[in-house]
Protein backbone atom coordinates (compact mmCIF):
# COMPACT_ATOMS: atom_id res chain seq x y z
CA MET A 1 -15.48 -5.48 -9.89
CA ARG A 2 -19.11 -5.73 -9.28
CA ARG A 3 -19.98 -2.62 -10.94
CA ARG A 4 -18.38 -3.80 -13.97
CA GLY A 5 -20.25 -7.08 -14.27
CA LEU A 6 -17.66 -9.71 -12.80
CA ARG A 7 -19.08 -12.63 -11.03
CA ALA A 8 -17.77 -13.80 -7.82
CA LEU A 9 -16.55 -17.52 -7.09
CA SER A 10 -16.27 -19.33 -3.79
CA THR A 11 -12.97 -19.15 -1.84
CA CYS A 12 -11.36 -21.18 0.86
CA PRO A 13 -12.24 -19.67 4.36
CA GLN A 14 -8.68 -20.06 5.65
CA ARG A 15 -6.81 -16.68 5.43
CA PRO A 16 -3.24 -16.21 4.91
CA ARG A 17 -0.92 -14.23 7.48
CA THR A 18 0.58 -11.17 5.78
CA THR A 19 2.80 -10.01 8.62
CA VAL A 20 5.65 -12.45 9.74
CA ALA A 21 8.42 -10.71 11.57
CA ASP A 22 12.24 -11.61 11.58
CA PRO A 23 13.27 -11.72 15.06
CA ALA A 24 16.97 -11.24 13.83
CA ALA A 25 16.22 -8.28 11.78
CA VAL A 26 17.58 -4.66 12.73
CA VAL A 27 14.58 -2.60 13.11
CA ALA A 28 14.29 1.29 13.14
CA GLU A 29 11.97 3.09 15.29
CA ASN A 30 8.78 4.62 14.47
CA LEU A 31 9.65 8.08 13.43
CA SER A 32 6.23 8.82 13.11
CA LEU A 33 5.30 8.99 16.94
CA GLY A 34 4.64 12.28 18.21
CA GLN A 35 5.07 13.92 14.99
CA PRO A 36 2.49 16.30 13.29
CA ALA A 37 0.70 14.99 10.23
CA SER A 38 2.57 15.48 6.79
CA THR A 39 1.76 18.75 5.41
CA ALA A 40 3.00 18.28 1.55
CA PRO A 41 3.23 14.99 -0.49
CA ASN A 42 6.24 12.81 -0.33
CA GLN A 43 6.91 13.47 3.35
CA VAL A 44 5.81 10.27 4.48
CA TRP A 45 4.99 7.05 2.61
CA VAL A 46 3.30 3.87 4.32
CA GLY A 47 3.41 0.19 3.07
CA ASP A 48 1.40 -2.71 3.72
CA ILE A 49 0.56 -6.14 2.21
CA THR A 50 -2.99 -7.50 2.00
CA TYR A 51 -4.36 -10.85 0.61
CA LEU A 52 -6.68 -11.20 -2.28
CA PRO A 53 -8.71 -14.63 -3.13
CA LEU A 54 -8.30 -16.58 -6.27
CA VAL A 55 -10.51 -19.33 -7.37
CA GLY A 56 -9.75 -22.85 -5.89
CA GLY A 57 -8.76 -21.52 -2.62
CA ARG A 58 -5.47 -19.83 -3.71
CA TRP A 59 -4.50 -16.45 -3.02
CA CYS A 60 -2.68 -13.44 -4.40
CA TYR A 61 -0.78 -10.66 -2.55
CA LEU A 62 -0.84 -6.86 -3.11
CA ALA A 63 1.75 -4.52 -1.73
CA THR A 64 1.09 -0.98 -1.85
CA TRP A 65 3.04 2.29 -0.71
CA ARG A 66 0.73 5.29 -0.06
CA ASP A 67 1.37 9.07 0.53
CA THR A 68 0.03 10.18 3.78
CA CYS A 69 -0.92 13.71 2.98
CA SER A 70 -2.74 12.97 -0.45
CA ARG A 71 -3.92 9.62 0.28
CA ARG A 72 -2.52 8.58 -3.03
CA VAL A 73 -1.51 4.93 -3.80
CA VAL A 74 1.85 5.69 -5.32
CA GLY A 75 3.09 2.39 -5.93
CA TRP A 76 1.65 -1.13 -6.12
CA HIS A 77 2.55 -4.81 -7.12
CA LEU A 78 0.42 -8.06 -6.97
CA ASP A 79 1.74 -11.31 -7.28
CA GLN A 80 1.06 -14.96 -5.99
CA HIS A 81 3.74 -15.09 -3.26
CA MET A 82 4.80 -12.36 -0.84
CA PRO A 83 8.69 -12.73 -0.89
CA THR A 84 10.82 -9.28 -0.51
CA GLU A 85 10.59 -8.49 -3.93
CA LEU A 86 6.77 -8.18 -3.76
CA VAL A 87 7.53 -4.85 -1.59
CA LEU A 88 10.63 -3.81 -3.29
CA THR A 89 9.21 -3.65 -6.87
CA ALA A 90 6.35 -1.62 -5.87
CA LEU A 91 8.94 0.66 -3.84
CA GLU A 92 11.32 0.79 -6.91
CA GLN A 93 8.32 1.79 -9.08
CA VAL A 94 7.39 4.53 -6.64
CA LEU A 95 10.87 5.72 -6.37
CA THR A 96 11.42 6.16 -9.86
CA LEU A 97 8.12 7.86 -10.54
CA ARG A 98 8.06 10.36 -7.58
CA GLN A 99 11.83 10.75 -7.34
CA PRO A 100 11.34 12.38 -3.50
CA ALA A 101 13.74 14.51 -1.95
CA SER A 102 16.20 13.45 0.81
CA GLY A 103 14.22 12.92 4.22
CA LEU A 104 11.43 11.11 3.23
CA VAL A 105 10.00 8.68 5.75
CA ILE A 106 9.26 5.26 4.59
CA HIS A 107 6.91 3.61 7.37
CA ALA A 108 5.70 -0.17 7.40
CA ASP A 109 5.05 -2.84 9.83
CA ARG A 110 7.50 -5.48 11.00
CA GLY A 111 7.17 -7.84 8.39
CA SER A 112 10.07 -9.34 7.16
CA GLN A 113 9.88 -8.14 3.68
CA TYR A 114 9.86 -4.71 5.00
CA THR A 115 12.73 -5.26 7.72
CA SER A 116 15.00 -7.24 5.20
CA LEU A 117 18.55 -5.92 4.47
CA ALA A 118 17.41 -5.79 0.82
CA CYS A 119 14.52 -3.21 1.54
CA ARG A 120 16.46 -1.17 4.32
CA THR A 121 19.27 -0.87 1.74
CA ARG A 122 17.24 0.58 -0.89
CA ILE A 123 15.42 2.90 1.48
CA GLU A 124 19.02 4.09 2.41
CA LYS A 125 20.01 4.50 -1.16
CA ALA A 126 17.21 6.74 -1.69
CA GLN A 127 18.26 8.90 1.04
CA ALA A 128 14.94 8.10 2.89
CA LEU A 129 14.37 7.23 6.60
CA ALA A 130 12.98 3.69 7.50
CA SER A 131 10.31 3.64 10.29
CA TYR A 132 8.66 0.69 11.76
CA SER A 133 5.80 0.18 13.78
CA ARG A 134 6.25 -0.74 17.52
CA PRO A 135 5.92 -4.86 18.11
CA GLY A 136 2.39 -5.67 18.40
CA ASN A 137 1.08 -2.27 17.67
CA PRO A 138 -1.27 -2.48 14.53
CA TYR A 139 -2.49 1.07 15.06
CA ASP A 140 1.05 2.48 14.25
CA ASN A 141 0.32 1.50 10.71
CA ALA A 142 -3.50 2.37 10.64
CA GLN A 143 -3.41 4.54 7.52
CA ALA A 144 -1.67 1.80 5.28
CA GLU A 145 -4.20 -0.79 6.50
CA ALA A 146 -7.11 1.36 6.67
CA GLY A 147 -8.30 1.00 3.09
CA TRP A 148 -8.21 -2.72 2.71
CA SER A 149 -11.64 -3.72 3.75
CA THR A 150 -13.16 -1.17 1.47
CA LEU A 151 -11.01 -2.26 -1.44
CA LYS A 152 -12.29 -5.65 -1.11
CA THR A 153 -15.84 -4.76 -0.87
CA GLU A 154 -15.69 -2.56 -3.86
CA LEU A 155 -13.52 -5.21 -5.76
CA LEU A 156 -15.19 -8.31 -4.83
CA PRO A 157 -18.77 -9.39 -3.91
CA HIS A 158 -19.18 -11.22 -0.55
CA GLY A 159 -17.23 -14.36 -0.58
CA GLY A 160 -15.91 -13.71 -4.11
CA ALA A 161 -12.81 -14.55 -5.71
CA PHE A 162 -10.67 -13.84 -9.17
CA ALA A 163 -10.48 -16.55 -11.81
CA SER A 164 -6.77 -15.80 -12.18
CA LEU A 165 -3.90 -13.52 -11.45
CA GLU A 166 -4.10 -11.69 -14.41
CA GLU A 167 -7.68 -10.94 -13.97
CA ALA A 168 -6.93 -9.67 -10.37
CA ARG A 169 -3.85 -7.56 -11.91
CA LEU A 170 -6.26 -6.14 -14.46
CA GLU A 171 -9.06 -5.31 -11.80
CA VAL A 172 -6.64 -3.78 -9.14
CA ALA A 173 -4.88 -1.84 -11.80
CA TYR A 174 -8.27 -0.08 -12.64
CA TYR A 175 -9.37 0.33 -9.01
CA LEU A 176 -5.99 2.03 -7.88
CA ASP A 177 -4.64 3.81 -10.69
CA THR A 178 -8.12 5.09 -12.13
CA TYR A 179 -10.64 5.06 -9.44
CA PHE A 180 -8.68 5.29 -6.22
CA ASN A 181 -6.54 7.92 -7.21
CA LEU A 182 -8.13 9.96 -9.99
CA ASP A 183 -11.87 9.72 -8.98
CA ARG A 184 -12.56 8.75 -5.61
CA ARG A 185 -12.99 11.69 -3.15
CA HIS A 186 -11.76 11.75 0.37
CA SER A 187 -13.22 13.82 3.09
CA ALA A 188 -9.71 14.32 4.76
CA LEU A 189 -8.83 16.01 1.54
CA GLY A 190 -11.84 18.28 1.45
CA TYR A 191 -13.91 15.95 -0.64
CA ARG A 192 -11.00 15.87 -3.60
CA SER A 193 -9.45 12.87 -5.31
CA PRO A 194 -5.92 12.20 -4.30
CA HIS A 195 -4.90 13.25 -7.89
CA GLN A 196 -6.95 16.47 -7.59
CA PHE A 197 -5.36 17.15 -4.26
CA GLU A 198 -1.78 17.08 -5.61
CA ARG A 199 -2.78 19.03 -8.48
CA ASP A 200 -3.99 22.12 -6.12
CA PHE A 201 -1.12 21.49 -3.86
CA GLN A 202 1.28 22.21 -6.87
CA SER A 203 -0.58 24.99 -7.98
CA SER A 204 -0.67 26.64 -4.56
CA LEU A 205 3.36 26.78 -4.65
CA SER A 206 3.31 28.67 -8.05
């Protein structure tokens, strides 16, 4: 990150696609349409994939799951490829850590990683409900995608790149697990961090 003294190196301008739909996949409806915003953590998670540059014109891919109520990044995984396992690894992580009650809505776009049989099966096993954006409507997954430009701006100087996948993982881990979740304040949360919001929410129940 810039504030930690990392230097940027030039990257290839051609950008990869992170959403490639599988026309043969069985896709559920968007369960969030017309519904009120979530009022507690672990009611709705949203997932998305973005790319981060590595030197030499290479890329790595970051999959995250976010809680729509607390804005917390509850799970993530970074790798140089983006098969279904990229999404499943992050999902398995968050299901193990959060252990949500049945009825959780897990929403994503129609990328083949999310609509794959493996992903849908894991969601069903967790007694959660799969939800997908409508075709050609990126606004359906706006909250999952909203933070990418900010993340890249704060992680990398303009035109910058990570020297290696290992460096990218270290920087992303610090940014998401420490800075974003524990320290960064959000206006939508009353200028509290996701961590503080969840602590306050739990205190209000006791």
